Amino acid sequence: MSISITVNDVKDIATITIVGSFDFSLFNEFRAGYSDLNKPYKTYVVDMSMVEYLDSAALGMLLSMRNAIEADCNIQLTGANAFIKNILMISRFDKRFDIQ
């Protein structure tokens, strides 16, 4: 389980890539991934292409991210497998996030 952060200042995008299980053990690392950046970005991408497991704590962390980031900023949840994407849709995250 790990998180990596990449930023593209030209495109104004910050990408948080999650590997392995997305659960409470990543709480501090995930929050730091968007709150400890040098500046706010227009778009935040949460790359879930390598996430194998997601629990309710992860859903809560995503909601906390949405509340912490300015409303006019776009948050994209990308690369989720079919099972995780289904959880996101059932939880109505498509109303608050751009799920791709």
N, C-alpha and C. Protein backbone atom coordinates (compact mmCIF):
# COMPACT_ATOMS: atom_id res chain seq x y z
N MET A 1 0.85 -1.17 0.00
CA MET A 1 0.00 0.00 0.00
C MET A 1 0.89 1.24 0.00
N SER A 2 0.66 2.08 -0.97
CA SER A 2 1.43 3.30 -1.01
C SER A 2 0.71 4.35 -1.85
N ILE A 3 1.19 5.57 -1.70
CA ILE A 3 0.65 6.70 -2.44
C ILE A 3 1.83 7.47 -3.02
N SER A 4 1.69 7.88 -4.27
CA SER A 4 2.69 8.77 -4.86
C SER A 4 1.97 9.99 -5.44
N ILE A 5 2.65 11.12 -5.40
CA ILE A 5 2.09 12.39 -5.85
C ILE A 5 2.94 12.90 -7.00
N THR A 6 2.29 13.30 -8.08
CA THR A 6 2.98 13.99 -9.17
C THR A 6 2.18 15.24 -9.51
N VAL A 7 2.89 16.30 -9.85
CA VAL A 7 2.21 17.54 -10.22
C VAL A 7 2.69 17.99 -11.60
N ASN A 8 1.79 18.62 -12.32
CA ASN A 8 2.10 19.21 -13.62
C ASN A 8 1.64 20.66 -13.53
N ASP A 9 2.58 21.57 -13.26
CA ASP A 9 2.22 22.97 -13.10
C ASP A 9 1.75 23.60 -14.40
N VAL A 10 2.23 23.11 -15.54
CA VAL A 10 1.81 23.66 -16.83
C VAL A 10 0.32 23.38 -17.07
N LYS A 11 -0.10 22.14 -16.80
CA LYS A 11 -1.51 21.76 -16.99
C LYS A 11 -2.36 22.01 -15.74
N ASP A 12 -1.72 22.42 -14.65
CA ASP A 12 -2.41 22.71 -13.38
C ASP A 12 -3.13 21.48 -12.83
N ILE A 13 -2.39 20.35 -12.81
CA ILE A 13 -2.94 19.06 -12.37
C ILE A 13 -2.05 18.45 -11.30
N ALA A 14 -2.67 17.94 -10.25
CA ALA A 14 -1.98 17.14 -9.24
C ALA A 14 -2.57 15.73 -9.29
N THR A 15 -1.71 14.73 -9.38
CA THR A 15 -2.17 13.34 -9.46
C THR A 15 -1.71 12.57 -8.23
N ILE A 16 -2.67 11.92 -7.60
CA ILE A 16 -2.41 11.06 -6.45
C ILE A 16 -2.63 9.63 -6.93
N THR A 17 -1.57 8.83 -6.94
CA THR A 17 -1.67 7.44 -7.38
C THR A 17 -1.65 6.54 -6.15
N ILE A 18 -2.64 5.67 -6.07
CA ILE A 18 -2.77 4.76 -4.93
C ILE A 18 -2.47 3.34 -5.42
N VAL A 19 -1.63 2.63 -4.67
CA VAL A 19 -1.27 1.26 -5.03
C VAL A 19 -1.67 0.33 -3.89
N GLY A 20 -2.38 -0.74 -4.23
CA GLY A 20 -2.76 -1.74 -3.23
C GLY A 20 -4.12 -1.45 -2.63
N SER A 21 -4.23 -1.62 -1.33
CA SER A 21 -5.49 -1.39 -0.63
C SER A 21 -5.65 0.08 -0.28
N PHE A 22 -6.82 0.62 -0.58
CA PHE A 22 -7.15 2.00 -0.24
C PHE A 22 -8.03 1.91 1.00
N ASP A 23 -7.41 2.06 2.17
CA ASP A 23 -8.14 1.92 3.43
C ASP A 23 -7.59 2.89 4.46
N PHE A 24 -8.04 2.76 5.69
CA PHE A 24 -7.70 3.72 6.74
C PHE A 24 -6.19 3.83 6.99
N SER A 25 -5.44 2.80 6.68
CA SER A 25 -4.00 2.85 6.91
C SER A 25 -3.33 3.95 6.07
N LEU A 26 -3.98 4.43 5.03
CA LEU A 26 -3.44 5.49 4.17
C LEU A 26 -3.98 6.87 4.52
N PHE A 27 -4.70 6.99 5.63
CA PHE A 27 -5.38 8.25 5.97
C PHE A 27 -4.44 9.46 5.93
N ASN A 28 -3.39 9.44 6.73
CA ASN A 28 -2.49 10.60 6.81
C ASN A 28 -1.76 10.85 5.49
N GLU A 29 -1.30 9.79 4.87
CA GLU A 29 -0.58 9.91 3.61
C GLU A 29 -1.48 10.48 2.50
N PHE A 30 -2.73 10.01 2.45
CA PHE A 30 -3.66 10.51 1.43
C PHE A 30 -3.98 11.98 1.66
N ARG A 31 -4.28 12.35 2.88
CA ARG A 31 -4.60 13.75 3.18
C ARG A 31 -3.42 14.66 2.85
N ALA A 32 -2.22 14.23 3.20
CA ALA A 32 -1.03 15.01 2.88
C ALA A 32 -0.85 15.15 1.37
N GLY A 33 -1.33 14.15 0.62
CA GLY A 33 -1.19 14.16 -0.83
C GLY A 33 -1.87 15.34 -1.50
N TYR A 34 -2.93 15.86 -0.91
CA TYR A 34 -3.59 17.03 -1.50
C TYR A 34 -3.47 18.28 -0.65
N SER A 35 -3.24 18.15 0.63
CA SER A 35 -3.22 19.34 1.49
C SER A 35 -1.82 19.93 1.68
N ASP A 36 -0.78 19.15 1.44
CA ASP A 36 0.58 19.64 1.65
C ASP A 36 1.24 20.14 0.36
N LEU A 37 0.47 20.32 -0.68
CA LEU A 37 1.03 20.82 -1.94
C LEU A 37 1.35 22.31 -1.81
N ASN A 38 2.28 22.77 -2.63
CA ASN A 38 2.72 24.17 -2.57
C ASN A 38 1.65 25.16 -2.99
N LYS A 39 0.70 24.71 -3.79
CA LYS A 39 -0.36 25.60 -4.29
C LYS A 39 -1.59 24.77 -4.59
N PRO A 40 -2.75 25.41 -4.70
CA PRO A 40 -3.94 24.68 -5.14
C PRO A 40 -3.87 24.43 -6.65
N TYR A 41 -4.46 23.35 -7.08
CA TYR A 41 -4.50 22.99 -8.49
C TYR A 41 -5.93 23.03 -9.00
N LYS A 42 -6.09 23.24 -10.30
CA LYS A 42 -7.41 23.28 -10.91
C LYS A 42 -8.02 21.88 -10.97
N THR A 43 -7.16 20.88 -11.21
CA THR A 43 -7.63 19.51 -11.34
C THR A 43 -6.79 18.60 -10.45
N TYR A 44 -7.48 17.73 -9.73
CA TYR A 44 -6.84 16.69 -8.93
C TYR A 44 -7.29 15.35 -9.51
N VAL A 45 -6.34 14.49 -9.78
CA VAL A 45 -6.64 13.16 -10.30
C VAL A 45 -6.27 12.15 -9.23
N VAL A 46 -7.22 11.30 -8.87
CA VAL A 46 -6.93 10.18 -7.97
C VAL A 46 -6.88 8.94 -8.86
N ASP A 47 -5.66 8.47 -9.13
CA ASP A 47 -5.45 7.32 -10.01
C ASP A 47 -5.65 6.05 -9.20
N MET A 48 -6.73 5.34 -9.51
CA MET A 48 -7.08 4.12 -8.78
C MET A 48 -6.83 2.87 -9.61
N SER A 49 -6.03 3.00 -10.66
CA SER A 49 -5.81 1.87 -11.56
C SER A 49 -5.06 0.70 -10.89
N MET A 50 -4.38 0.96 -9.78
CA MET A 50 -3.66 -0.11 -9.09
C MET A 50 -4.26 -0.41 -7.72
N VAL A 51 -5.51 0.06 -7.50
CA VAL A 51 -6.20 -0.22 -6.23
C VAL A 51 -6.86 -1.59 -6.33
N GLU A 52 -6.56 -2.44 -5.37
CA GLU A 52 -7.13 -3.79 -5.33
C GLU A 52 -8.32 -3.89 -4.38
N TYR A 53 -8.38 -2.98 -3.41
CA TYR A 53 -9.40 -3.05 -2.36
C TYR A 53 -9.71 -1.64 -1.90
N LEU A 54 -10.97 -1.38 -1.63
CA LEU A 54 -11.41 -0.07 -1.14
C LEU A 54 -12.44 -0.31 -0.05
N ASP A 55 -12.31 0.40 1.08
CA ASP A 55 -13.30 0.22 2.15
C ASP A 55 -14.02 1.53 2.43
N SER A 56 -14.90 1.52 3.43
CA SER A 56 -15.69 2.71 3.74
C SER A 56 -14.82 3.87 4.21
N ALA A 57 -13.68 3.58 4.82
CA ALA A 57 -12.77 4.66 5.23
C ALA A 57 -12.24 5.39 4.01
N ALA A 58 -11.98 4.66 2.94
CA ALA A 58 -11.51 5.29 1.70
C ALA A 58 -12.58 6.21 1.13
N LEU A 59 -13.83 5.78 1.19
CA LEU A 59 -14.93 6.63 0.72
C LEU A 59 -14.98 7.91 1.55
N GLY A 60 -14.80 7.78 2.85
CA GLY A 60 -14.79 8.94 3.73
C GLY A 60 -13.61 9.86 3.43
N MET A 61 -12.45 9.29 3.12
CA MET A 61 -11.28 10.11 2.79
C MET A 61 -11.51 10.89 1.49
N LEU A 62 -12.18 10.26 0.52
CA LEU A 62 -12.48 10.97 -0.72
C LEU A 62 -13.46 12.12 -0.47
N LEU A 63 -14.45 11.89 0.39
CA LEU A 63 -15.39 12.97 0.73
C LEU A 63 -14.69 14.10 1.48
N SER A 64 -13.78 13.75 2.36
CA SER A 64 -13.00 14.78 3.06
C SER A 64 -12.17 15.59 2.08
N MET A 65 -11.61 14.93 1.09
CA MET A 65 -10.85 15.63 0.06
C MET A 65 -11.75 16.61 -0.68
N ARG A 66 -12.94 16.13 -1.07
CA ARG A 66 -13.89 16.98 -1.80
C ARG A 66 -14.24 18.22 -0.97
N ASN A 67 -14.43 18.05 0.34
CA ASN A 67 -14.78 19.18 1.21
C ASN A 67 -13.61 20.12 1.45
N ALA A 68 -12.38 19.61 1.38
CA ALA A 68 -11.20 20.43 1.66
C ALA A 68 -10.75 21.24 0.45
N ILE A 69 -11.08 20.76 -0.73
CA ILE A 69 -10.63 21.42 -1.96
C ILE A 69 -11.74 22.35 -2.46
N GLU A 70 -11.33 23.48 -3.00
CA GLU A 70 -12.29 24.47 -3.47
C GLU A 70 -13.30 23.85 -4.43
N ALA A 71 -14.53 24.33 -4.34
CA ALA A 71 -15.64 23.74 -5.11
C ALA A 71 -15.44 23.83 -6.62
N ASP A 72 -14.72 24.85 -7.09
CA ASP A 72 -14.54 24.97 -8.54
C ASP A 72 -13.40 24.11 -9.07
N CYS A 73 -12.72 23.37 -8.21
CA CYS A 73 -11.68 22.45 -8.64
C CYS A 73 -12.31 21.12 -9.01
N ASN A 74 -11.78 20.50 -10.04
CA ASN A 74 -12.28 19.22 -10.52
C ASN A 74 -11.48 18.10 -9.86
N ILE A 75 -12.18 17.08 -9.36
CA ILE A 75 -11.52 15.89 -8.83
C ILE A 75 -11.95 14.71 -9.70
N GLN A 76 -10.97 14.09 -10.36
CA GLN A 76 -11.24 12.95 -11.22
C GLN A 76 -10.80 11.67 -10.51
N LEU A 77 -11.67 10.68 -10.50
CA LEU A 77 -11.33 9.35 -10.00
C LEU A 77 -11.15 8.48 -11.23
N THR A 78 -9.92 8.07 -11.50
CA THR A 78 -9.64 7.38 -12.76
C THR A 78 -9.12 5.97 -12.53
N GLY A 79 -9.36 5.12 -13.52
CA GLY A 79 -8.75 3.80 -13.57
C GLY A 79 -9.31 2.75 -12.65
N ALA A 80 -10.40 3.02 -11.96
CA ALA A 80 -10.96 2.03 -11.03
C ALA A 80 -11.45 0.80 -11.79
N ASN A 81 -11.23 -0.37 -11.20
CA ASN A 81 -11.76 -1.58 -11.84
C ASN A 81 -13.28 -1.59 -11.72
N ALA A 82 -13.93 -2.51 -12.40
CA ALA A 82 -15.39 -2.54 -12.46
C ALA A 82 -16.03 -2.65 -11.08
N PHE A 83 -15.44 -3.45 -10.20
CA PHE A 83 -16.01 -3.64 -8.87
C PHE A 83 -15.96 -2.34 -8.06
N ILE A 84 -14.80 -1.68 -8.07
CA ILE A 84 -14.65 -0.43 -7.32
C ILE A 84 -15.49 0.67 -7.95
N LYS A 85 -15.53 0.73 -9.26
CA LYS A 85 -16.36 1.73 -9.93
C LYS A 85 -17.83 1.55 -9.55
N ASN A 86 -18.27 0.30 -9.44
CA ASN A 86 -19.65 0.02 -9.03
C ASN A 86 -19.91 0.53 -7.61
N ILE A 87 -18.97 0.34 -6.70
CA ILE A 87 -19.11 0.86 -5.33
C ILE A 87 -19.24 2.38 -5.36
N LEU A 88 -18.40 3.03 -6.16
CA LEU A 88 -18.45 4.49 -6.27
C LEU A 88 -19.80 4.97 -6.82
N MET A 89 -20.34 4.25 -7.80
CA MET A 89 -21.61 4.65 -8.40
C MET A 89 -22.78 4.40 -7.43
N ILE A 90 -22.77 3.27 -6.74
CA ILE A 90 -23.82 2.97 -5.76
C ILE A 90 -23.81 4.02 -4.65
N SER A 91 -22.61 4.48 -4.28
CA SER A 91 -22.46 5.49 -3.23
C SER A 91 -22.72 6.90 -3.75
N ARG A 92 -23.10 7.00 -5.02
CA ARG A 92 -23.45 8.27 -5.68
C ARG A 92 -22.28 9.26 -5.72
N PHE A 93 -21.08 8.73 -5.80
CA PHE A 93 -19.91 9.59 -5.90
C PHE A 93 -19.84 10.29 -7.26
N ASP A 94 -20.60 9.80 -8.23
CA ASP A 94 -20.64 10.47 -9.53
C ASP A 94 -21.27 11.86 -9.43
N LYS A 95 -21.94 12.16 -8.33
CA LYS A 95 -22.53 13.49 -8.12
C LYS A 95 -21.50 14.49 -7.63
N ARG A 96 -20.40 14.01 -7.04
CA ARG A 96 -19.40 14.90 -6.46
C ARG A 96 -18.03 14.82 -7.15
N PHE A 97 -17.84 13.75 -7.92
CA PHE A 97 -16.55 13.51 -8.57
C PHE A 97 -16.76 13.19 -10.04
N ASP A 98 -15.72 13.40 -10.81
CA ASP A 98 -15.70 13.00 -12.21
C ASP A 98 -15.11 11.60 -12.26
N ILE A 99 -15.95 10.58 -12.42
CA ILE A 99 -15.48 9.19 -12.41
C ILE A 99 -15.21 8.76 -13.85
N GLN A 100 -13.97 8.36 -14.10
CA GLN A 100 -13.58 7.95 -15.46
C GLN A 100 -13.06 6.55 -15.46
